[in-house]
Protein backbone atom coordinates (compact mmCIF):
# COMPACT_ATOMS: atom_id res chain seq x y z
CA MET A 1 5.13 -15.31 30.15
CA LYS A 2 7.75 -18.09 28.41
CA LEU A 3 8.69 -16.81 25.28
CA PHE A 4 10.50 -18.91 22.82
CA VAL A 5 11.77 -17.16 19.42
CA THR A 6 13.78 -19.11 16.56
CA GLY A 7 15.91 -16.73 13.91
CA GLY A 8 16.07 -14.25 17.44
CA CYS A 9 19.17 -12.92 16.16
CA GLY A 10 17.95 -11.32 13.00
CA PHE A 11 16.00 -8.15 11.95
CA LEU A 12 12.22 -9.31 13.34
CA GLY A 13 13.32 -11.69 15.64
CA SER A 14 16.17 -9.20 17.40
CA ASN A 15 12.84 -6.51 17.82
CA LEU A 16 11.01 -8.92 19.16
CA VAL A 17 13.62 -10.74 21.45
CA ALA A 18 14.54 -7.28 22.51
CA GLU A 19 10.39 -6.81 23.28
CA GLY A 20 9.79 -9.76 25.35
CA ILE A 21 12.66 -8.33 27.90
CA ARG A 22 11.56 -5.30 28.25
CA ARG A 23 8.03 -6.51 28.93
CA GLY A 24 9.55 -9.12 31.80
CA ASP A 25 8.80 -12.27 30.06
CA GLN A 26 11.65 -15.25 30.07
CA VAL A 27 12.63 -15.72 26.77
CA LEU A 28 14.30 -17.74 25.18
CA ALA A 29 16.39 -17.52 21.56
CA ILE A 30 17.72 -19.94 19.11
CA ASP A 31 20.12 -18.78 15.97
CA ASN A 32 22.48 -20.42 13.66
CA LEU A 33 23.73 -17.15 13.43
CA SER A 34 24.30 -17.26 9.45
CA ARG A 35 22.75 -14.10 8.59
CA THR A 36 24.82 -10.88 7.67
CA GLY A 37 24.43 -8.65 10.97
CA ALA A 38 22.78 -12.35 13.42
CA THR A 39 26.01 -11.64 15.50
CA ARG A 40 26.07 -7.81 15.96
CA ASN A 41 21.92 -8.16 16.77
CA LEU A 42 23.21 -11.22 19.83
CA GLU A 43 25.53 -8.55 21.11
CA TRP A 44 23.86 -5.54 20.93
CA LEU A 45 20.40 -8.18 22.42
CA ARG A 46 23.11 -8.91 25.81
CA SER A 47 23.31 -5.08 26.19
CA CYS A 48 19.01 -4.90 26.77
CA GLY A 49 18.71 -7.35 29.17
CA GLU A 50 18.36 -11.17 31.06
CA PHE A 51 17.29 -13.79 28.13
CA THR A 52 18.66 -17.31 27.15
CA PHE A 53 20.47 -17.85 23.82
CA GLN A 54 21.80 -21.52 22.30
CA HIS A 55 23.32 -21.66 19.24
CA VAL A 56 21.04 -24.35 17.60
CA ASP A 57 19.77 -25.00 13.65
CA THR A 58 16.01 -25.94 13.26
CA ARG A 59 17.57 -28.48 11.06
CA GLU A 60 18.41 -30.64 13.82
CA PHE A 61 15.27 -31.96 15.19
CA SER A 62 16.69 -33.53 18.20
CA ASP A 63 18.43 -30.59 19.15
CA LEU A 64 15.26 -28.28 18.35
CA GLU A 65 12.91 -31.12 20.12
CA GLN A 66 15.26 -30.63 23.24
CA VAL A 67 15.07 -27.04 23.63
CA VAL A 68 11.19 -26.92 23.17
CA GLN A 69 10.76 -30.14 25.66
CA SER A 70 13.00 -28.23 28.52
CA PHE A 71 12.24 -24.86 27.68
CA ARG A 72 7.63 -25.63 27.74
CA PRO A 73 7.42 -21.56 25.72
CA ASP A 74 3.69 -20.41 26.42
CA CYS A 75 4.22 -18.83 22.94
CA VAL A 76 6.95 -19.56 20.25
CA PHE A 77 7.23 -16.73 17.21
CA HIS A 78 8.83 -19.18 14.21
CA LEU A 79 10.70 -16.14 12.39
CA ALA A 80 14.00 -18.84 11.28
CA GLY A 81 14.68 -19.26 7.68
CA GLN A 82 15.99 -18.94 4.10
CA VAL A 83 14.31 -15.39 3.34
CA ALA A 84 15.74 -14.48 -0.36
CA MET A 85 14.24 -15.60 -3.72
CA THR A 86 17.06 -14.92 -5.46
CA THR A 87 19.24 -17.55 -2.67
CA SER A 88 16.16 -20.03 -3.32
CA LEU A 89 17.09 -19.84 -7.19
CA THR A 90 20.84 -20.50 -6.58
CA ASN A 91 20.11 -23.24 -3.70
CA PRO A 92 17.16 -24.83 -4.20
CA ARG A 93 18.06 -27.83 -1.65
CA ALA A 94 18.68 -25.71 0.97
CA ASP A 95 16.04 -23.36 1.06
CA PHE A 96 13.89 -26.53 0.92
CA GLU A 97 15.98 -27.57 4.43
CA ILE A 98 15.62 -25.09 5.92
CA ASN A 99 12.59 -22.79 5.34
CA THR A 100 10.21 -26.64 5.13
CA VAL A 101 12.06 -28.90 7.24
CA GLY A 102 13.17 -26.57 9.96
CA GLY A 103 9.39 -25.45 9.86
CA HIS A 104 8.43 -29.22 9.78
CA ASN A 105 10.46 -30.40 13.07
CA LEU A 106 8.95 -27.26 14.87
CA LEU A 107 5.00 -27.82 14.72
CA GLU A 108 6.30 -31.29 14.92
CA ALA A 109 8.33 -30.80 18.77
CA VAL A 110 5.94 -28.55 19.71
CA ARG A 111 2.78 -30.88 18.95
CA ARG A 112 4.29 -33.41 21.69
CA TRP A 113 5.86 -31.85 24.05
CA VAL A 114 3.64 -28.37 24.12
CA PRO A 115 0.78 -28.16 21.97
CA GLU A 116 -1.14 -25.72 23.95
CA ALA A 117 1.90 -23.12 22.94
CA HIS A 118 0.33 -20.47 20.93
CA ILE A 119 2.75 -20.67 17.21
CA ILE A 120 3.17 -17.75 15.59
CA TYR A 121 5.13 -17.93 11.92
CA SER A 122 6.60 -15.46 9.74
CA SER A 123 5.11 -16.30 5.84
CA THR A 124 5.20 -13.97 3.04
CA ASN A 125 3.57 -13.00 0.66
CA LYS A 126 5.20 -14.89 -2.31
CA VAL A 127 2.74 -17.37 -1.45
CA TYR A 128 0.61 -15.10 -4.09
CA GLY A 129 2.85 -15.70 -6.70
CA SER A 130 3.51 -13.18 -9.69
CA LEU A 131 0.07 -12.11 -9.63
CA ASP A 132 0.42 -11.85 -13.13
CA GLN A 133 -3.87 -12.34 -12.91
CA VAL A 134 -4.58 -9.18 -11.71
CA GLN A 135 -4.90 -5.85 -14.02
CA ILE A 136 -1.84 -3.34 -13.61
CA ARG A 137 -1.76 0.14 -14.79
CA GLU A 138 1.12 2.37 -15.25
CA ALA A 139 1.36 5.45 -13.51
CA ALA A 140 3.97 8.06 -13.76
CA THR A 141 6.00 7.16 -10.36
CA ARG A 142 4.30 3.31 -9.37
CA TYR A 143 2.20 0.62 -11.13
CA VAL A 144 -1.61 0.00 -9.68
CA ALA A 145 -3.64 -3.11 -8.91
CA GLU A 146 -7.39 -2.18 -10.55
CA GLY A 147 -9.86 -3.50 -8.34
CA TYR A 148 -7.36 -3.53 -5.35
CA ASP A 149 -7.77 -0.03 -3.45
CA ASP A 150 -7.03 -1.30 -0.19
CA GLY A 151 -4.57 -4.02 -1.24
CA PHE A 152 -5.13 -7.48 -0.73
CA ASP A 153 -7.06 -9.63 1.58
CA GLU A 154 -6.16 -13.22 2.30
CA LYS A 155 -8.86 -14.81 0.25
CA LEU A 156 -6.40 -14.30 -2.78
CA ASN A 157 -5.49 -17.56 -4.67
CA LEU A 158 -1.84 -19.24 -3.38
CA ASP A 159 0.15 -19.82 -6.21
CA PHE A 160 3.40 -21.32 -5.20
CA GLN A 161 6.46 -19.57 -7.67
CA SER A 162 10.16 -20.45 -6.83
CA PRO A 163 12.24 -22.28 -4.61
CA TYR A 164 11.56 -19.71 -1.99
CA GLY A 165 7.58 -19.00 -2.69
CA CYS A 166 6.82 -23.48 -1.66
CA SER A 167 9.13 -23.97 0.87
CA LYS A 168 8.11 -20.97 2.42
CA GLY A 169 4.53 -21.60 1.33
CA ALA A 170 4.35 -25.46 2.18
CA ILE A 171 5.09 -24.55 5.88
CA ASP A 172 2.33 -21.52 6.15
CA GLN A 173 -0.07 -24.64 4.99
CA TYR A 174 1.09 -26.96 7.71
CA MET A 175 0.53 -24.42 10.19
CA LEU A 176 -2.93 -24.64 9.70
CA ASP A 177 -3.50 -27.19 9.33
CA TYR A 178 -2.08 -28.66 12.48
CA HIS A 179 -4.15 -26.49 13.66
CA ARG A 180 -7.21 -28.12 11.94
CA MET A 181 -5.88 -31.48 12.80
CA PHE A 182 -4.06 -31.82 16.07
CA GLY A 183 -5.44 -28.18 17.27
CA LEU A 184 -2.35 -26.39 17.16
CA ARG A 185 -2.73 -22.44 18.40
CA THR A 186 -0.73 -21.61 15.05
CA THR A 187 -1.31 -18.51 13.48
CA VAL A 188 0.57 -17.36 9.56
CA PHE A 189 1.48 -13.45 9.61
CA ARG A 190 1.48 -13.26 5.16
CA HIS A 191 4.36 -10.43 5.63
CA SER A 192 4.79 -7.85 2.80
CA SER A 193 7.62 -5.61 3.24
CA VAL A 194 8.82 -4.80 6.54
CA PHE A 195 12.09 -2.23 7.39
CA GLY A 196 13.63 -0.53 10.60
CA ILE A 197 15.59 -0.90 13.39
CA ARG A 198 18.54 -4.22 13.68
CA GLN A 199 18.00 -4.59 9.39
CA TYR A 200 21.52 -5.14 7.67
CA GLY A 201 19.91 -5.38 4.55
CA THR A 202 21.52 -7.26 1.38
CA ILE A 203 20.84 -6.62 -2.46
CA ASP A 204 18.90 -10.28 -2.30
CA GLN A 205 16.68 -9.24 0.98
CA GLY A 206 15.75 -6.80 2.97
CA TRP A 207 15.76 -4.07 0.04
CA ILE A 208 14.92 -0.71 1.77
CA GLY A 209 17.94 -1.64 4.18
CA TRP A 210 19.61 -2.29 1.31
CA PHE A 211 18.57 1.64 -0.22
CA LEU A 212 19.61 3.06 2.22
CA GLN A 213 22.97 1.40 2.93
CA GLN A 214 23.16 3.28 -1.31
CA ALA A 215 21.77 6.47 -0.30
CA LEU A 216 24.01 6.80 2.58
CA LEU A 217 27.16 5.84 0.27
CA THR A 218 26.56 8.16 -1.58
CA GLN A 219 26.08 11.48 0.66
CA GLN A 220 29.71 10.34 1.19
CA ASN A 221 30.59 9.58 -2.31
CA PRO A 222 28.72 11.59 -4.71
CA ALA A 223 29.59 9.54 -8.28
CA HIS A 224 28.20 5.88 -6.01
CA ARG A 225 26.00 3.55 -7.95
CA PHE A 226 23.91 0.68 -7.79
CA THR A 227 22.16 -1.18 -9.31
CA ILE A 228 18.37 -2.29 -9.32
CA CYS A 229 15.89 -4.56 -11.23
CA GLY A 230 12.89 -3.74 -13.43
CA ASP A 231 12.07 0.01 -13.70
CA GLY A 232 11.58 1.00 -10.22
CA LYS A 233 7.44 1.17 -10.32
CA GLN A 234 6.97 -1.96 -8.30
CA VAL A 235 5.39 -1.30 -5.09
CA ARG A 236 4.89 -2.97 -1.91
CA ASP A 237 3.43 -1.79 1.23
CA VAL A 238 6.35 -0.98 4.07
CA LEU A 239 5.58 -2.02 7.27
CA PHE A 240 7.90 -0.50 10.52
CA SER A 241 9.55 -3.00 13.23
CA GLN A 242 8.34 -1.43 16.04
CA ASP A 243 4.33 -2.10 14.30
CA LEU A 244 5.73 -5.58 13.32
CA VAL A 245 7.31 -6.30 17.28
CA SER A 246 2.98 -4.87 18.23
CA CYS A 247 1.33 -6.84 15.48
CA TYR A 248 2.63 -10.00 17.22
CA PHE A 249 2.04 -9.63 20.69
CA ARG A 250 -1.22 -8.34 20.91
CA ALA A 251 -2.42 -11.68 17.91
CA VAL A 252 -1.01 -13.52 21.41
CA GLU A 253 -2.65 -11.32 23.64
CA ALA A 254 -6.08 -11.88 21.17
CA GLY A 255 -5.02 -16.19 21.13
CA SER A 256 -8.85 -16.75 21.39
CA VAL A 257 -9.64 -15.66 18.08
CA THR A 258 -6.06 -15.25 15.81
CA ALA A 259 -5.53 -19.13 16.59
CA GLY A 260 -5.69 -21.16 13.08
CA GLN A 261 -6.07 -16.98 10.90
CA VAL A 262 -4.04 -16.15 8.28
CA PHE A 263 -3.78 -12.68 8.38
CA ASN A 264 -1.49 -10.88 5.56
CA ILE A 265 0.55 -7.97 7.29
CA GLY A 266 1.79 -4.49 6.05
CA GLY A 267 1.63 -1.14 5.52
CA GLY A 268 -1.73 -1.34 4.14
CA MET A 269 -2.02 1.49 0.90
CA PRO A 270 -1.40 4.68 3.15
CA ASN A 271 2.03 3.43 3.74
CA SER A 272 3.35 2.23 0.20
CA LEU A 273 5.57 3.51 -2.35
CA SER A 274 7.87 2.02 -5.26
CA LEU A 275 11.06 2.46 -6.00
CA LEU A 276 10.57 5.47 -6.85
CA GLU A 277 9.38 7.55 -4.06
CA LEU A 278 11.67 5.84 -2.15
CA PHE A 279 14.54 7.16 -4.33
CA SER A 280 12.96 10.75 -5.03
CA PHE A 281 12.36 10.86 -0.29
CA LEU A 282 15.85 9.71 0.18
CA ASP A 283 16.84 12.24 -2.37
CA ASN A 284 15.21 14.61 -0.78
CA GLU A 285 16.28 13.45 2.45
CA LEU A 286 19.95 13.67 2.30
CA GLY A 287 19.90 16.50 -0.03
CA ILE A 288 22.03 13.20 -2.77
CA ARG A 289 20.92 11.89 -6.22
CA LEU A 290 21.07 8.86 -6.48
CA GLN A 291 22.72 7.11 -9.58
CA TYR A 292 21.37 3.66 -10.24
CA ASP A 293 21.94 1.01 -13.43
CA HIS A 294 18.39 -1.18 -14.43
CA LEU A 295 18.91 -4.45 -14.44
CA PRO A 296 16.58 -7.30 -15.38
CA TRP A 297 12.92 -7.88 -13.51
CA ARG A 298 13.60 -10.41 -10.90
CA GLN A 299 11.93 -14.75 -11.73
CA SER A 300 7.93 -13.79 -10.49
CA ASP A 301 8.58 -10.86 -9.48
CA GLN A 302 5.44 -8.62 -8.24
CA ARG A 303 4.44 -5.51 -9.54
CA VAL A 304 2.06 -5.06 -6.92
CA PHE A 305 1.75 -6.34 -3.49
CA VAL A 306 -0.16 -3.79 -1.26
CA ALA A 307 -1.81 -6.18 2.19
CA ASP A 308 -5.06 -5.36 3.55
CA ILE A 309 -4.38 -5.43 6.85
CA ARG A 310 -8.85 -5.13 7.70
CA LYS A 311 -8.93 -8.16 9.07
CA ALA A 312 -6.38 -8.29 11.31
CA GLU A 313 -7.79 -4.80 13.16
CA ARG A 314 -10.65 -6.57 13.13
CA LEU A 315 -10.48 -9.28 14.90
CA PHE A 316 -7.30 -8.29 17.68
CA GLY A 317 -7.27 -4.84 17.05
CA TRP A 318 -3.72 -3.75 14.84
CA HIS A 319 -2.85 -1.91 13.38
CA PRO A 320 0.32 0.48 11.64
CA ALA A 321 0.98 3.95 13.96
CA THR A 322 4.29 4.56 12.48
CA SER A 323 4.22 6.42 8.36
CA PHE A 324 6.69 5.17 5.22
CA THR A 325 8.05 8.74 6.22
CA SER A 326 8.97 8.73 10.41
CA GLY A 327 10.35 5.06 10.01
CA LEU A 328 12.69 5.75 7.39
CA LYS A 329 14.41 8.38 9.25
CA ALA A 330 13.99 6.71 11.84
CA ALA A 331 15.65 3.61 10.00
CA LEU A 332 19.10 6.44 8.23
CA ALA A 333 19.69 7.84 12.11
CA TRP A 334 19.95 4.07 13.27
CA ALA A 335 21.85 3.39 10.43
CA ARG A 336 24.12 6.28 10.40
CA GLU A 337 25.34 5.06 13.66
CA GLU A 338 25.62 0.83 12.74
CA VAL A 339 26.01 0.11 9.16
């Protein structure tokens, strides 16, 4: 397979590129290397095997079109993007250009040159907004969404909030509409929280990776302090990076049923946890006592988001294979060596 990965040196992209290399696919990755850790991921990928890398920004249509026209991929994983809601609030124009213009550039390049290619787009649960309409119950260590025992499915109403939600949501909908109008084989994954190997988390994005770093710093210096937004009871379902890789490639293999579809993708209810529950795990695992200060809630933050992943299991037989405890231990081991 000829595999084209945008954002191929980011956290998710580098894991997918590495799997393509391992599989023996002909892999082309592009990235503008602006993301924290991207250069280090590129160096690592070059040690994994043979692939092609080009320094391309998806905002530049002529450059992107030339790559697509020349390479003519069978499959595209579109992961390039601005990925932090906080950054979108400080620079909404850049967020729009990177996510919306860059995403539309990709669609147009594929439509013109390889309309038979399968595109999988990395969207976000933020397209559902803050979920203020959901009744939330407060428990000892987490919030619980009443009536959603299996999480939120794809029938949940869209409610784009924040520039990030709008920019990602716009291409989410463009992907689906290009299937309807032009017959492109597009698939949308609305991701919950992904973590694991090659994640260089920051305070704005990649929260599991960020808090693993804070835990390791606390292990080195017990007086270390950091901040959290809100009260720590907010809940997400977390998906280990290797499970995400299997999800993407399995969806490609089942392209006849996944094309034109949208899926909520995450760890599911068994792999849900709050910040407080994560901190408790890290305290016990590392023999530390995390110390932190509270900041106000972030704008449009969801008290709870857990993906109902049953549609993915039903249509293409995917479900997570890694528990969050096993994944956290693997991510900690990697972070000790790399971060």
